[in-house]
Protein backbone atom coordinates (compact mmCIF):
# COMPACT_ATOMS: atom_id res chain seq x y z
CA MET A 1 -14.78 6.75 -6.62
CA LEU A 2 -18.48 7.16 -5.85
CA PHE A 3 -18.11 10.70 -4.50
CA MET A 4 -15.79 11.61 -7.38
CA ILE A 5 -18.46 10.53 -9.88
CA ILE A 6 -21.21 12.45 -8.08
CA VAL A 7 -19.21 15.68 -7.77
CA SER A 8 -17.83 15.44 -11.33
CA PHE A 9 -21.33 14.93 -12.69
CA CYS A 10 -22.78 17.89 -10.76
CA LEU A 11 -19.89 20.35 -10.93
CA LEU A 12 -17.98 19.47 -14.10
CA LYS A 13 -20.95 18.07 -16.07
CA TYR A 14 -19.02 14.91 -16.92
CA LYS A 15 -20.96 12.04 -18.42
CA PHE A 16 -20.63 8.48 -17.16
CA TYR A 17 -21.64 5.38 -19.03
CA LYS A 18 -22.15 1.66 -18.58
CA HIS A 19 -18.48 0.76 -18.22
CA HIS A 20 -18.09 3.42 -15.53
CA VAL A 21 -20.98 2.05 -13.48
CA ILE A 22 -19.90 -1.61 -13.77
CA SER A 23 -16.28 -0.84 -12.86
CA MET A 24 -17.44 1.30 -9.93
CA ILE A 25 -19.61 -1.53 -8.55
CA ILE A 26 -16.71 -4.01 -8.82
CA PHE A 27 -14.30 -1.53 -7.23
CA LEU A 28 -16.62 -0.78 -4.30
CA LEU A 29 -17.57 -4.43 -3.76
CA PHE A 30 -14.02 -5.74 -3.50
CA GLY A 31 -12.96 -2.67 -1.54
CA ILE A 32 -15.58 -3.47 1.10
CA ILE A 33 -14.55 -7.15 1.09
CA SER A 34 -10.88 -6.27 1.64
CA GLU A 35 -11.72 -3.84 4.45
CA LEU A 36 -13.91 -6.45 6.15
CA ALA A 37 -11.12 -9.03 5.82
CA LEU A 38 -8.65 -6.62 7.38
CA GLY A 39 -11.09 -5.52 10.05
CA THR A 40 -10.45 -1.82 9.50
CA TYR A 41 -14.13 -0.94 9.66
CA PHE A 42 -14.36 -1.68 13.36
CA ASN A 43 -12.20 -0.13 16.05
CA LYS A 44 -11.68 -1.36 19.58
CA ASN A 45 -14.44 0.89 20.95
CA GLY A 46 -16.99 -0.35 18.45
CA TYR A 47 -18.10 3.08 17.21
CA PHE A 48 -18.81 1.79 13.73
CA PHE A 49 -21.23 4.41 12.44
CA VAL A 50 -19.34 7.34 13.97
CA CYS A 51 -16.00 6.29 12.47
CA GLN A 52 -17.46 5.50 9.06
CA SER A 53 -19.41 8.76 9.00
CA ILE A 54 -16.20 10.69 9.63
CA ARG A 55 -14.47 8.76 6.85
CA LEU A 56 -17.34 9.44 4.45
CA VAL A 57 -17.32 13.15 5.21
CA GLY A 58 -13.56 13.30 4.70
CA THR A 59 -13.84 11.42 1.41
CA ALA A 60 -16.61 13.71 0.17
CA LEU A 61 -14.52 16.79 1.02
CA ASP A 62 -11.48 15.37 -0.79
CA ALA A 63 -13.53 14.59 -3.91
CA THR A 64 -15.09 18.05 -3.87
CA PHE A 65 -11.69 19.70 -3.43
CA TYR A 66 -10.08 17.91 -6.40
CA CYS A 67 -13.10 18.46 -8.65
CA PHE A 68 -13.22 22.14 -7.69
CA GLU A 69 -9.56 22.51 -8.66
CA LYS A 70 -10.39 21.00 -12.05
CA TYR A 71 -13.40 23.31 -12.29
CA LEU A 72 -11.24 26.39 -11.79
CA MET A 73 -8.75 25.27 -14.43
CA GLU A 74 -11.27 23.96 -16.96
CA LYS A 75 -14.06 26.54 -16.70
CA TYR A 76 -12.23 29.69 -15.62
CA TYR A 77 -8.80 28.90 -17.08
CA TYR A 78 -6.86 29.57 -13.88
CA PRO A 79 -3.20 28.45 -14.18
CA TYR A 80 -2.57 25.25 -12.28
CA TRP A 81 0.28 26.81 -10.31
CA ASN A 82 -2.11 29.43 -8.90
CA VAL A 83 -4.70 26.78 -8.08
CA ALA A 84 -2.08 24.76 -6.18
CA PHE A 85 -0.51 27.80 -4.52
CA VAL A 86 -3.61 29.01 -2.66
CA PRO A 87 -4.36 25.84 -0.60
CA GLY A 88 -0.62 25.36 -0.04
CA LEU A 89 -0.32 28.88 1.35
CA LEU A 90 -3.35 28.41 3.61
CA MET A 91 -2.02 25.13 4.98
CA PHE A 92 1.40 26.69 5.55
CA ILE A 93 -0.14 29.55 7.55
CA PHE A 94 -2.30 27.17 9.57
CA ALA A 95 0.64 24.85 10.33
CA SER A 96 2.83 27.81 11.30
CA ILE A 97 0.19 29.03 13.77
CA LEU A 98 -0.02 25.58 15.36
CA LEU A 99 3.79 25.34 15.57
CA ILE A 100 4.08 28.76 17.20
CA TYR A 101 1.35 27.84 19.67
CA ALA A 102 3.12 24.58 20.57
CA LEU A 103 6.45 26.37 21.10
CA VAL A 104 4.94 29.19 23.15
CA GLU A 105 2.77 26.92 25.32
CA PRO A 106 4.89 23.77 25.80
CA LYS A 107 3.12 22.85 29.04
CA SER A 108 -0.38 23.12 27.65
CA ASP A 109 -2.73 20.14 28.10
CA GLY A 110 -4.10 20.50 24.59
CA THR A 111 -4.22 17.40 22.40
CA PHE A 112 -2.10 18.92 19.65
CA VAL A 113 0.65 20.13 22.00
CA THR A 114 0.77 16.78 23.83
CA THR A 115 0.99 14.85 20.56
CA PHE A 116 3.59 17.26 19.16
CA TYR A 117 6.06 16.76 22.00
CA ALA A 118 5.28 13.07 22.41
CA TYR A 119 6.37 12.50 18.81
CA PHE A 120 9.94 13.61 19.62
CA HIS A 121 10.15 11.49 22.78
CA THR A 122 9.60 8.10 21.17
CA GLU A 123 11.90 5.11 21.47
CA LEU A 124 13.25 5.80 17.99
CA GLY A 125 15.01 8.91 19.20
CA LEU A 126 15.12 12.50 18.06
CA GLY A 127 17.34 11.80 15.04
CA LEU A 128 15.02 9.23 13.43
CA ALA A 129 12.01 11.42 14.19
CA MET A 130 13.60 14.32 12.30
CA ILE A 131 14.57 12.03 9.41
CA LYS A 132 10.96 10.91 9.16
CA ILE A 133 9.81 14.54 8.94
CA VAL A 134 12.32 15.24 6.17
CA ILE A 135 11.23 12.16 4.22
CA VAL A 136 7.56 13.13 4.51
CA PHE A 137 8.43 16.66 3.36
CA ILE A 138 10.27 15.32 0.29
CA ILE A 139 7.37 13.02 -0.58
CA HIS A 140 4.89 15.89 -0.40
CA PHE A 141 7.27 18.11 -2.36
CA VAL A 142 7.15 15.57 -5.21
CA MET A 143 3.54 14.44 -4.91
CA CYS A 144 1.81 17.83 -4.75
CA PRO A 145 3.03 19.08 -8.18
CA LEU A 146 2.32 15.67 -9.71
CA THR A 147 -1.20 15.73 -8.27
CA ILE A 148 -2.12 19.14 -9.68
CA LEU A 149 -0.55 18.25 -13.06
CA ASN A 150 -2.53 15.01 -13.05
CA ILE A 151 -5.76 16.93 -12.53
CA PHE A 152 -4.78 19.54 -15.11
CA TYR A 153 -3.90 17.17 -17.96
CA PHE A 154 -6.36 14.36 -17.20
CA SER A 155 -9.30 14.35 -14.78
CA PRO A 156 -9.78 14.27 -10.99
CA ASN A 157 -10.63 10.57 -11.22
CA PHE A 158 -6.99 9.75 -11.94
CA ILE A 159 -6.21 10.75 -8.35
CA LEU A 160 -7.78 7.42 -7.41
CA ILE A 161 -4.61 5.68 -8.64
CA ILE A 162 -2.58 7.49 -5.98
CA PHE A 163 -5.09 6.68 -3.25
CA GLN A 164 -5.27 3.03 -4.28
CA PHE A 165 -1.51 2.47 -4.26
CA SER A 166 -1.10 4.29 -0.96
CA ARG A 167 -3.88 2.25 0.65
CA ILE A 168 -2.39 -1.02 -0.58
CA ALA A 169 1.06 -0.09 0.72
CA LYS A 170 -0.36 1.06 4.06
CA ASN A 171 -2.37 -2.13 4.58
CA ILE A 172 0.55 -4.40 3.66
CA ILE A 173 2.87 -2.54 6.07
CA THR A 174 0.26 -2.49 8.84
CA PHE A 175 -0.98 -6.07 8.67
CA GLY A 176 2.12 -7.82 7.31
CA VAL A 177 2.14 -11.29 5.79
CA ASP A 178 -0.91 -12.46 7.73
CA LYS A 179 -3.24 -10.61 5.37
CA LEU A 180 -1.38 -11.04 2.08
CA TYR A 181 -4.35 -12.88 0.58
CA CYS A 182 -6.02 -9.45 0.30
CA ILE A 183 -3.68 -8.75 -2.62
CA VAL A 184 -6.15 -10.68 -4.78
CA PHE A 185 -8.84 -8.15 -3.89
CA TYR A 186 -6.44 -5.30 -4.60
CA VAL A 187 -5.61 -6.67 -8.06
CA ILE A 188 -9.31 -6.93 -8.96
CA GLN A 189 -9.87 -3.41 -7.66
CA PHE A 190 -6.96 -2.08 -9.66
CA PHE A 191 -8.24 -3.79 -12.82
CA ALA A 192 -11.70 -2.23 -12.26
CA LEU A 193 -10.02 1.15 -11.72
CA MET A 194 -8.17 0.87 -15.04
CA ILE A 195 -11.49 0.18 -16.77
CA HIS A 196 -13.10 3.13 -14.98
CA LEU A 197 -10.30 5.45 -16.14
CA GLU A 198 -10.51 3.94 -19.65
CA ILE A 199 -6.86 2.92 -19.59
CA ILE A 200 -8.14 -0.59 -20.29
CA GLU A 201 -11.04 -1.04 -22.73
CA LEU A 202 -13.30 -4.10 -22.79
CA ASN A 203 -14.22 -4.94 -26.37
CA PHE A 204 -17.39 -6.89 -25.66
CA CYS A 205 -21.02 -6.13 -24.80
CA LYS A 206 -20.40 -2.62 -26.18
CA LEU A 207 -18.54 -1.67 -22.99
CA ASN A 208 -16.07 0.37 -25.05
CA GLU A 209 -18.72 2.15 -27.12
CA PHE A 210 -18.73 5.33 -25.05
CA THR A 211 -15.09 5.62 -24.08
CA ILE A 212 -13.49 8.98 -24.76
CA ARG A 213 -11.29 7.54 -27.49
CA ASN A 214 -14.15 5.95 -29.41
CA ILE A 215 -16.38 9.00 -29.02
CA GLU A 216 -13.63 11.17 -30.49
CA LEU A 217 -13.09 8.69 -33.34
CA ARG A 218 -16.79 8.71 -34.20
CA GLY A 219 -16.80 12.50 -34.05
CA ALA A 220 -13.85 12.66 -36.44
CA ASP A 221 -15.55 10.21 -38.82
CA ASP A 222 -18.76 12.25 -38.76
CA ALA A 223 -16.82 15.43 -39.49
CA LEU A 224 -15.11 13.77 -42.42
CA PHE A 225 -18.37 12.39 -43.77
CA LEU A 226 -20.48 15.53 -43.35
CA GLY A 227 -17.76 18.00 -44.24
CA ARG A 228 -16.55 16.39 -47.48
CA ASP A 229 -17.73 18.03 -50.72
CA SER A 230 -17.96 16.14 -54.01
CA THR A 231 -16.26 18.96 -55.89
CA THR A 232 -13.10 18.76 -53.76
CA GLY A 233 -10.30 16.27 -54.01
CA ILE A 234 -10.09 13.08 -52.01
CA ASN A 235 -7.65 14.75 -49.61
CA SER A 236 -9.82 17.83 -49.09
CA ILE A 237 -12.35 18.47 -46.32
CA GLU A 238 -14.90 21.29 -46.32
CA PHE A 239 -15.84 22.15 -42.75
CA GLU A 240 -17.93 25.26 -43.35
CA THR A 241 -19.46 26.85 -46.39
CA GLY A 242 -16.65 28.10 -48.56
CA TYR A 243 -13.76 26.78 -46.42
CA ILE A 244 -11.63 23.81 -47.44
CA ILE A 245 -8.63 22.14 -45.82
CA ASP A 246 -6.30 20.49 -48.34
CA ASN A 247 -3.81 17.95 -47.00
CA ILE A 248 -0.65 18.36 -49.09
CA GLY A 249 2.25 16.43 -47.61
CA ASN A 250 2.80 17.82 -44.13
CA TYR A 251 1.15 21.17 -44.85
CA ASN A 252 -2.44 22.31 -44.38
CA VAL A 253 -3.62 24.85 -46.95
CA LEU A 254 -6.71 26.79 -45.95
CA THR A 255 -8.52 27.98 -49.07
CA GLU A 256 -11.25 30.56 -48.94
CA MET A 257 -13.59 30.08 -51.91
CA ARG A 258 -15.35 33.07 -53.37
CA GLU A 259 -19.11 32.59 -53.67
CA GLN A 260 -19.40 34.43 -56.95
CA GLU A 261 -18.20 32.72 -60.07
CA GLY A 262 -15.32 34.20 -61.96
CA GLU A 263 -13.52 35.65 -58.93
CA GLU A 264 -10.03 34.51 -58.05
CA ASP A 265 -9.35 32.15 -55.19
CA ILE A 266 -7.35 33.40 -52.20
CA ASN A 267 -5.07 30.86 -50.57
CA TYR A 268 -3.80 31.20 -46.99
CA LYS A 269 -0.99 28.90 -46.04
């Protein structure tokens, strides 16, 4: 969330307000508490700073990648299918090269080759290993289009919902019932995330003053107030000099008024 705010502010010029900052602090605080309770910050070798630095770099790259996709679609109007196709093609080529290398050099001592063949020699058997690959493929086949559509129609910050649910599911599966009390921290985090994404609005202490919905409502009210002319009807709005929108039933009639008196009006429907 922190990196997403920083990159969105710098690259996309998004503005963040008081409710964003408060929800971010709550989200980060209880995220750190849950990770400490689960003990995921420390590995058996004790390389705390090295592991966390790698995680931070990976998180920063992910945030930059999603915001850059939004930047291409929002600023340069690239179609979302082209934006999603390019990284997918690059990853396909890279994975194909690794697969060919593993098949050509089966006796290599490389880490990738060793891990590749060790995966198919587990106690679960070859059949279950292949089923797992198919399931992962189906999940990615569904998630990738939903991710790019999420970024296209909303904002990169909504990707945090996917990450949050996946992290909760992973921690519950990994640690089992012994760490179920961490669900309380997850619920608080999820509530803070909903506030951050403005799905939930807090109607006190002016925390909802600068939400997108209220900003748009104030903008519409200002347009109505500044654009209304005393010579027009109550259902008419003058947006620019000489242009009036008349609301008649379900139709909008755009009337261009002649500046000189005595000339006929021209109506465009």
